[in-house]
PDB file of N, CA and C in Angstrom:
ATOM      1  N   ARG A   1     -70.632 -21.967 -24.037  1.00  0.00           N
ATOM      2  CA  ARG A   1     -70.877 -21.747 -25.441  1.00  0.00           C
ATOM      3  C   ARG A   1     -70.130 -22.776 -26.266  1.00  0.00           C
ATOM      4  N   VAL A   2     -70.736 -23.112 -27.386  1.00  0.00           N
ATOM      5  CA  VAL A   2     -70.138 -24.078 -28.303  1.00  0.00           C
ATOM      6  C   VAL A   2     -70.133 -23.480 -29.699  1.00  0.00           C
ATOM      7  N   MET A   3     -69.039 -23.709 -30.438  1.00  0.00           N
ATOM      8  CA  MET A   3     -68.950 -23.331 -31.847  1.00  0.00           C
ATOM      9  C   MET A   3     -68.730 -24.603 -32.635  1.00  0.00           C
ATOM     10  N   GLY A   4     -69.146 -24.605 -33.905  1.00  0.00           N
ATOM     11  CA  GLY A   4     -69.023 -25.807 -34.719  1.00  0.00           C
ATOM     12  C   GLY A   4     -68.100 -25.614 -35.905  1.00  0.00           C
ATOM     13  N   ALA A   5     -67.665 -26.733 -36.472  1.00  0.00           N
ATOM     14  CA  ALA A   5     -66.791 -26.718 -37.643  1.00  0.00           C
ATOM     15  C   ALA A   5     -67.036 -27.965 -38.473  1.00  0.00           C
ATOM     16  N   VAL A   6     -66.715 -27.855 -39.754  1.00  0.00           N
ATOM     17  CA  VAL A   6     -66.696 -29.010 -40.642  1.00  0.00           C
ATOM     18  C   VAL A   6     -65.311 -29.066 -41.264  1.00  0.00           C
ATOM     19  N   ALA A   7     -64.849 -30.266 -41.574  1.00  0.00           N
ATOM     20  CA  ALA A   7     -63.527 -30.433 -42.169  1.00  0.00           C
ATOM     21  C   ALA A   7     -63.600 -31.472 -43.268  1.00  0.00           C
ATOM     22  N   GLY A   8     -62.755 -31.294 -44.271  1.00  0.00           N
ATOM     23  CA  GLY A   8     -62.712 -32.273 -45.345  1.00  0.00           C
ATOM     24  C   GLY A   8     -61.503 -32.068 -46.231  1.00  0.00           C
ATOM     25  N   ILE A   9     -61.140 -33.121 -46.931  1.00  0.00           N
ATOM     26  CA  ILE A   9     -60.023 -33.038 -47.869  1.00  0.00           C
ATOM     27  C   ILE A   9     -60.490 -32.391 -49.166  1.00  0.00           C
ATOM     28  N   LEU A  10     -61.619 -32.845 -49.681  1.00  0.00           N
ATOM     29  CA  LEU A  10     -62.229 -32.251 -50.873  1.00  0.00           C
ATOM     30  C   LEU A  10     -63.612 -31.747 -50.490  1.00  0.00           C
ATOM     31  N   ILE A  11     -63.830 -30.450 -50.621  1.00  0.00           N
ATOM     32  CA  ILE A  11     -65.113 -29.861 -50.255  1.00  0.00           C
ATOM     33  C   ILE A  11     -65.658 -29.090 -51.448  1.00  0.00           C
ATOM     34  N   ASN A  12     -66.853 -29.414 -51.864  1.00  0.00           N
ATOM     35  CA  ASN A  12     -67.525 -28.705 -52.941  1.00  0.00           C
ATOM     36  C   ASN A  12     -67.770 -27.263 -52.511  1.00  0.00           C
ATOM     37  N   LYS A  13     -67.606 -26.314 -53.424  1.00  0.00           N
ATOM     38  CA  LYS A  13     -67.771 -24.895 -53.088  1.00  0.00           C
ATOM     39  C   LYS A  13     -69.147 -24.592 -52.510  1.00  0.00           C
ATOM     40  N   ASP A  14     -70.187 -25.242 -53.010  1.00  0.00           N
ATOM     41  CA  ASP A  14     -71.525 -24.995 -52.476  1.00  0.00           C
ATOM     42  C   ASP A  14     -71.638 -25.465 -51.030  1.00  0.00           C
ATOM     43  N   VAL A  15     -70.963 -26.534 -50.699  1.00  0.00           N
ATOM     44  CA  VAL A  15     -71.016 -27.072 -49.339  1.00  0.00           C
ATOM     45  C   VAL A  15     -70.306 -26.137 -48.364  1.00  0.00           C
ATOM     46  N   ASP A  16     -69.145 -25.626 -48.746  1.00  0.00           N
ATOM     47  CA  ASP A  16     -68.438 -24.733 -47.820  1.00  0.00           C
ATOM     48  C   ASP A  16     -69.194 -23.422 -47.627  1.00  0.00           C
ATOM     49  N   LYS A  17     -69.808 -22.903 -48.678  1.00  0.00           N
ATOM     50  CA  LYS A  17     -70.606 -21.678 -48.537  1.00  0.00           C
ATOM     51  C   LYS A  17     -71.808 -21.917 -47.634  1.00  0.00           C
ATOM     52  N   PHE A  18     -72.456 -23.069 -47.782  1.00  0.00           N
ATOM     53  CA  PHE A  18     -73.590 -23.404 -46.925  1.00  0.00           C
ATOM     54  C   PHE A  18     -73.152 -23.463 -45.463  1.00  0.00           C
ATOM     55  N   ALA A  19     -72.037 -24.156 -45.203  1.00  0.00           N
ATOM     56  CA  ALA A  19     -71.538 -24.286 -43.830  1.00  0.00           C
ATOM     57  C   ALA A  19     -71.199 -22.919 -43.239  1.00  0.00           C
ATOM     58  N   MET A  20     -70.554 -22.059 -44.025  1.00  0.00           N
ATOM     59  CA  MET A  20     -70.208 -20.724 -43.536  1.00  0.00           C
ATOM     60  C   MET A  20     -71.463 -19.908 -43.246  1.00  0.00           C
ATOM     61  N   ASN A  21     -72.463 -20.013 -44.122  1.00  0.00           N
ATOM     62  CA  ASN A  21     -73.722 -19.291 -43.900  1.00  0.00           C
ATOM     63  C   ASN A  21     -74.443 -19.782 -42.651  1.00  0.00           C
ATOM     64  N   GLU A  22     -74.201 -21.036 -42.275  1.00  0.00           N
ATOM     65  CA  GLU A  22     -74.798 -21.592 -41.058  1.00  0.00           C
ATOM     66  C   GLU A  22     -73.972 -21.270 -39.816  1.00  0.00           C
ATOM     67  N   GLY A  23     -72.856 -20.547 -39.997  1.00  0.00           N
ATOM     68  CA  GLY A  23     -72.030 -20.130 -38.869  1.00  0.00           C
ATOM     69  C   GLY A  23     -70.972 -21.127 -38.453  1.00  0.00           C
ATOM     70  N   LEU A  24     -70.658 -22.087 -39.327  1.00  0.00           N
ATOM     71  CA  LEU A  24     -69.655 -23.102 -39.014  1.00  0.00           C
ATOM     72  C   LEU A  24     -68.292 -22.716 -39.583  1.00  0.00           C
ATOM     73  N   PHE A  25     -67.243 -23.019 -38.847  1.00  0.00           N
ATOM     74  CA  PHE A  25     -65.899 -22.877 -39.384  1.00  0.00           C
ATOM     75  C   PHE A  25     -65.703 -23.975 -40.426  1.00  0.00           C
ATOM     76  N   VAL A  26     -64.979 -23.663 -41.508  1.00  0.00           N
ATOM     77  CA  VAL A  26     -64.694 -24.642 -42.551  1.00  0.00           C
ATOM     78  C   VAL A  26     -63.185 -24.859 -42.575  1.00  0.00           C
ATOM     79  N   ILE A  27     -62.771 -26.102 -42.328  1.00  0.00           N
ATOM     80  CA  ILE A  27     -61.356 -26.463 -42.266  1.00  0.00           C
ATOM     81  C   ILE A  27     -61.020 -27.282 -43.506  1.00  0.00           C
ATOM     82  N   VAL A  28     -60.006 -26.819 -44.268  1.00  0.00           N
ATOM     83  CA  VAL A  28     -59.629 -27.492 -45.510  1.00  0.00           C
ATOM     84  C   VAL A  28     -58.149 -27.861 -45.480  1.00  0.00           C
ATOM     85  N   GLN A  29     -57.794 -28.808 -46.328  1.00  0.00           N
ATOM     86  CA  GLN A  29     -56.408 -29.243 -46.428  1.00  0.00           C
ATOM     87  C   GLN A  29     -55.587 -28.171 -47.127  1.00  0.00           C
ATOM     88  N   SER A  30     -54.356 -27.979 -46.653  1.00  0.00           N
ATOM     89  CA  SER A  30     -53.421 -27.030 -47.247  1.00  0.00           C
ATOM     90  C   SER A  30     -52.030 -27.646 -47.188  1.00  0.00           C
ATOM     91  N   GLY A  31     -51.660 -28.358 -48.240  1.00  0.00           N
ATOM     92  CA  GLY A  31     -50.379 -29.063 -48.232  1.00  0.00           C
ATOM     93  C   GLY A  31     -50.399 -30.174 -47.206  1.00  0.00           C
ATOM     94  N   ASP A  32     -49.432 -30.172 -46.307  1.00  0.00           N
ATOM     95  CA  ASP A  32     -49.357 -31.180 -45.249  1.00  0.00           C
ATOM     96  C   ASP A  32     -50.086 -30.748 -43.982  1.00  0.00           C
ATOM     97  N   SER A  33     -50.804 -29.651 -44.053  1.00  0.00           N
ATOM     98  CA  SER A  33     -51.479 -29.100 -42.883  1.00  0.00           C
ATOM     99  C   SER A  33     -52.934 -28.787 -43.229  1.00  0.00           C
ATOM    100  N   VAL A  34     -53.590 -28.019 -42.390  1.00  0.00           N
ATOM    101  CA  VAL A  34     -54.962 -27.570 -42.639  1.00  0.00           C
ATOM    102  C   VAL A  34     -55.042 -26.069 -42.398  1.00  0.00           C
ATOM    103  N   LYS A  35     -56.106 -25.449 -42.929  1.00  0.00           N
ATOM    104  CA  LYS A  35     -56.329 -24.025 -42.709  1.00  0.00           C
ATOM    105  C   LYS A  35     -57.824 -23.755 -42.679  1.00  0.00           C
ATOM    106  N   LEU A  36     -58.192 -22.604 -42.132  1.00  0.00           N
ATOM    107  CA  LEU A  36     -59.583 -22.176 -42.136  1.00  0.00           C
ATOM    108  C   LEU A  36     -59.884 -21.521 -43.478  1.00  0.00           C
ATOM    109  N   ALA A  37     -61.010 -21.881 -44.073  1.00  0.00           N
ATOM    110  CA  ALA A  37     -61.412 -21.311 -45.354  1.00  0.00           C
ATOM    111  C   ALA A  37     -62.302 -20.085 -45.176  1.00  0.00           C
ATOM    112  N   ASN A  38     -62.709 -19.786 -43.956  1.00  0.00           N
ATOM    113  CA  ASN A  38     -63.604 -18.663 -43.695  1.00  0.00           C
ATOM    114  C   ASN A  38     -62.894 -17.338 -43.976  1.00  0.00           C
ATOM    115  N   ASP A  39     -63.662 -16.371 -44.517  1.00  0.00           N
ATOM    116  CA  ASP A  39     -63.078 -15.064 -44.805  1.00  0.00           C
ATOM    117  C   ASP A  39     -63.221 -14.122 -43.610  1.00  0.00           C
ATOM    118  N   GLY A  40     -62.753 -12.899 -43.770  1.00  0.00           N
ATOM    119  CA  GLY A  40     -62.772 -11.926 -42.680  1.00  0.00           C
ATOM    120  C   GLY A  40     -64.158 -11.467 -42.270  1.00  0.00           C
ATOM    121  N   LYS A  41     -65.164 -11.687 -43.116  1.00  0.00           N
ATOM    122  CA  LYS A  41     -66.540 -11.278 -42.816  1.00  0.00           C
ATOM    123  C   LYS A  41     -67.297 -12.341 -42.019  1.00  0.00           C
ATOM    124  N   PHE A  42     -66.703 -13.505 -41.859  1.00  0.00           N
ATOM    125  CA  PHE A  42     -67.359 -14.631 -41.199  1.00  0.00           C
ATOM    126  C   PHE A  42     -67.661 -14.331 -39.734  1.00  0.00           C
ATOM    127  N   VAL A  43     -68.885 -14.662 -39.332  1.00  0.00           N
ATOM    128  CA  VAL A  43     -69.295 -14.532 -37.926  1.00  0.00           C
ATOM    129  C   VAL A  43     -69.736 -15.914 -37.447  1.00  0.00           C
ATOM    130  N   PRO A  44     -68.983 -16.528 -36.526  1.00  0.00           N
ATOM    131  CA  PRO A  44     -69.350 -17.871 -36.067  1.00  0.00           C
ATOM    132  C   PRO A  44     -70.639 -17.867 -35.255  1.00  0.00           C
ATOM    133  N   ARG A  45     -71.398 -18.919 -35.419  1.00  0.00           N
ATOM    134  CA  ARG A  45     -72.620 -19.100 -34.638  1.00  0.00           C
ATOM    135  C   ARG A  45     -72.246 -19.782 -33.325  1.00  0.00           C
ATOM    136  N   THR A  46     -72.882 -19.374 -32.259  1.00  0.00           N
ATOM    137  CA  THR A  46     -72.651 -20.031 -30.972  1.00  0.00           C
ATOM    138  C   THR A  46     -73.969 -20.586 -30.462  1.00  0.00           C
ATOM    139  N   TRP A  47     -73.872 -21.699 -29.749  1.00  0.00           N
ATOM    140  CA  TRP A  47     -75.047 -22.344 -29.165  1.00  0.00           C
ATOM    141  C   TRP A  47     -74.892 -22.372 -27.674  1.00  0.00           C
TER     142      TRP A  47
END
């Protein structure tokens, strides 16, 4: 099984919602690190 993700420093809100709706993890910058932007309702898509 494979899961997907997108990452970016600046991500438009519409883009992150689209990616989440497609089942992708969304990785965003958080200070000197990164974090997942997905909420608790997120269900990842697997291929």
